[in-house]
Amino acid sequence: MEVDVASDGTGPGYGYAQRVLNHLLWSLQRIVGRIAAGCATWYSSLSIQAHGVALALCPTGHSYRPMLLRNLANSFNTRFNRTNVLDDLNETIRLRAEAVALCPHGHPNRAISLKSLADALGTRYHFTIMPDDLEEAIQLLTEAVALC
């Protein structure tokens, strides 16, 4: 299937291509739990690559960008959960922080973005015992609860 997508993500097929790719990736993520551990790690790496392509197609400022950042972060987090490679967790945190930055106060996805980032920081705290991660996670969760 060819879709006309300009390099800046503004071509006539951009929205359609983005939705199809995102739906395909979401569907594949649903079956990860049913795959043997070795294959799931392979799938996580494939998912990271595919979500990276989806994010690269999405121009800065587009309304889909926070969701795509969260999806890519979730793929890194899935691989981290299978491998315990701290670089994957660090990338999860970086991407989730970027998603939070794109969801200003009043944005409907701010609370879930804050919670997702806090979860990743809490996980990193358990691995590294860095007090700053725990303090930031508590602050983020406090803000998320206040938005509910």
Protein backbone atom coordinates (compact mmCIF):
# COMPACT_ATOMS: atom_id res chain seq x y z
CA MET A 1 0.00 0.00 0.00
CA GLU A 2 1.34 3.40 -0.95
CA VAL A 3 0.16 6.50 0.85
CA ASP A 4 1.03 10.02 -0.24
CA VAL A 5 2.77 11.51 2.79
CA ALA A 6 4.87 14.62 2.38
CA SER A 7 8.21 14.70 4.20
CA ASP A 8 6.76 17.18 6.68
CA GLY A 9 3.81 14.87 7.43
CA THR A 10 1.23 17.10 5.77
CA GLY A 11 0.41 15.05 2.64
CA PRO A 12 -3.20 14.08 1.90
CA GLY A 13 -2.63 10.53 3.18
CA TYR A 14 -0.95 11.55 6.42
CA GLY A 15 -3.87 11.11 8.80
CA TYR A 16 -4.95 7.84 7.21
CA ALA A 17 -1.44 6.37 7.17
CA GLN A 18 -0.92 7.40 10.78
CA ARG A 19 -4.17 5.80 11.92
CA VAL A 20 -3.52 2.56 10.01
CA LEU A 21 0.03 2.24 11.32
CA ASN A 22 -1.01 3.03 14.88
CA HIS A 23 -3.91 0.55 14.74
CA LEU A 24 -1.64 -2.17 13.36
CA LEU A 25 0.90 -1.59 16.13
CA TRP A 26 -1.80 -1.57 18.80
CA SER A 27 -3.16 -4.87 17.47
CA LEU A 28 0.29 -6.44 17.53
CA GLN A 29 0.87 -5.25 21.10
CA ARG A 30 -2.24 -7.11 22.24
CA ILE A 31 -0.73 -10.45 21.27
CA VAL A 32 2.64 -9.92 22.99
CA GLY A 33 1.41 -11.56 26.18
CA ARG A 34 0.64 -14.72 24.22
CA ILE A 35 4.10 -15.05 22.68
CA ALA A 36 7.03 -16.93 24.21
CA ALA A 37 9.53 -14.71 26.03
CA GLY A 38 12.21 -14.84 23.30
CA CYS A 39 9.75 -13.89 20.59
CA ALA A 40 8.25 -11.17 22.76
CA THR A 41 11.68 -9.53 23.08
CA TRP A 42 12.04 -9.68 19.31
CA TYR A 43 8.55 -8.23 18.91
CA SER A 44 9.36 -5.41 21.34
CA SER A 45 12.37 -4.45 19.24
CA LEU A 46 10.25 -4.54 16.08
CA SER A 47 7.59 -2.48 17.83
CA ILE A 48 10.20 0.11 18.84
CA GLN A 49 11.31 0.43 15.23
CA ALA A 50 7.76 0.73 13.89
CA HIS A 51 6.68 3.25 16.54
CA GLY A 52 9.86 5.21 15.79
CA VAL A 53 8.81 5.42 12.14
CA ALA A 54 5.31 6.53 13.13
CA LEU A 55 6.80 9.24 15.37
CA ALA A 56 9.19 10.38 12.63
CA LEU A 57 6.21 10.83 10.30
CA CYS A 58 4.43 13.00 12.84
CA PRO A 59 5.43 16.66 12.70
CA THR A 60 6.19 18.56 15.87
CA GLY A 61 3.03 20.19 17.15
CA HIS A 62 0.66 17.60 15.67
CA SER A 63 -2.09 16.46 18.03
CA TYR A 64 -1.08 12.78 17.61
CA ARG A 65 2.50 13.37 18.80
CA PRO A 66 1.92 12.87 22.58
CA MET A 67 0.09 9.58 21.90
CA LEU A 68 2.86 8.37 19.58
CA LEU A 69 5.49 9.28 22.18
CA ARG A 70 3.58 7.28 24.80
CA ASN A 71 3.25 4.31 22.42
CA LEU A 72 6.98 4.32 21.66
CA ALA A 73 7.73 4.66 25.38
CA ASN A 74 5.44 1.69 26.08
CA SER A 75 7.40 -0.40 23.59
CA PHE A 76 10.69 0.48 25.29
CA ASN A 77 9.08 -0.27 28.65
CA THR A 78 7.86 -3.67 27.45
CA ARG A 79 11.36 -4.57 26.31
CA PHE A 80 12.81 -3.32 29.59
CA ASN A 81 10.38 -5.55 31.51
CA ARG A 82 11.71 -8.55 29.58
CA THR A 83 15.42 -7.69 29.57
CA ASN A 84 16.07 -5.32 32.53
CA VAL A 85 18.33 -3.21 30.30
CA LEU A 86 18.36 0.16 32.05
CA ASP A 87 18.90 2.07 28.79
CA ASP A 88 15.39 0.99 27.71
CA LEU A 89 13.92 2.30 30.95
CA ASN A 90 15.84 5.57 30.57
CA GLU A 91 14.44 5.95 27.05
CA THR A 92 10.95 5.21 28.39
CA ILE A 93 11.39 8.05 30.89
CA ARG A 94 12.74 10.46 28.27
CA LEU A 95 9.85 9.80 25.89
CA ARG A 96 7.20 9.99 28.61
CA ALA A 97 8.68 13.27 29.84
CA GLU A 98 8.45 14.65 26.31
CA ALA A 99 4.80 13.53 26.15
CA VAL A 100 4.08 15.32 29.44
CA ALA A 101 5.68 18.48 28.07
CA LEU A 102 3.28 18.34 25.11
CA CYS A 103 0.24 18.01 27.40
CA PRO A 104 -0.02 21.38 29.16
CA HIS A 105 -2.38 22.08 32.04
CA GLY A 106 -5.93 21.52 30.85
CA HIS A 107 -4.96 18.90 28.25
CA PRO A 108 -7.24 15.83 28.54
CA ASN A 109 -4.28 13.40 28.57
CA ARG A 110 -2.11 15.23 31.08
CA ALA A 111 -3.08 13.08 34.09
CA ILE A 112 -2.38 9.77 32.35
CA SER A 113 0.89 11.14 30.94
CA LEU A 114 1.96 12.24 34.44
CA LYS A 115 1.07 8.84 35.89
CA SER A 116 2.94 6.97 33.14
CA LEU A 117 6.07 9.04 33.75
CA ALA A 118 5.76 8.58 37.51
CA ASP A 119 5.44 4.80 37.07
CA ALA A 120 8.65 4.68 35.02
CA LEU A 121 10.51 6.85 37.54
CA GLY A 122 9.28 4.58 40.34
CA THR A 123 10.57 1.56 38.47
CA ARG A 124 13.95 3.19 37.96
CA TYR A 125 14.06 4.08 41.66
CA HIS A 126 13.66 0.37 42.52
CA PHE A 127 16.63 -0.46 40.30
CA THR A 128 18.97 2.43 41.13
CA ILE A 129 17.75 3.75 44.54
CA MET A 130 18.07 7.32 43.25
CA PRO A 131 16.05 9.47 45.69
CA ASP A 132 15.43 12.13 43.03
CA ASP A 133 13.43 9.61 40.98
CA LEU A 134 11.20 8.78 43.93
CA GLU A 135 10.66 12.45 44.80
CA GLU A 136 9.79 13.35 41.21
CA ALA A 137 7.42 10.36 40.94
CA ILE A 138 5.59 11.50 44.08
CA GLN A 139 5.29 15.06 42.73
CA LEU A 140 3.97 13.82 39.38
CA LEU A 141 1.42 11.51 41.01
CA THR A 142 0.29 14.31 43.32
CA GLU A 143 -0.32 16.53 40.28
CA ALA A 144 -2.10 13.71 38.43
CA VAL A 145 -4.43 13.03 41.36
CA ALA A 146 -5.24 16.74 41.62
CA LEU A 147 -6.39 16.68 37.97
CA CYS A 148 -8.90 13.88 38.57
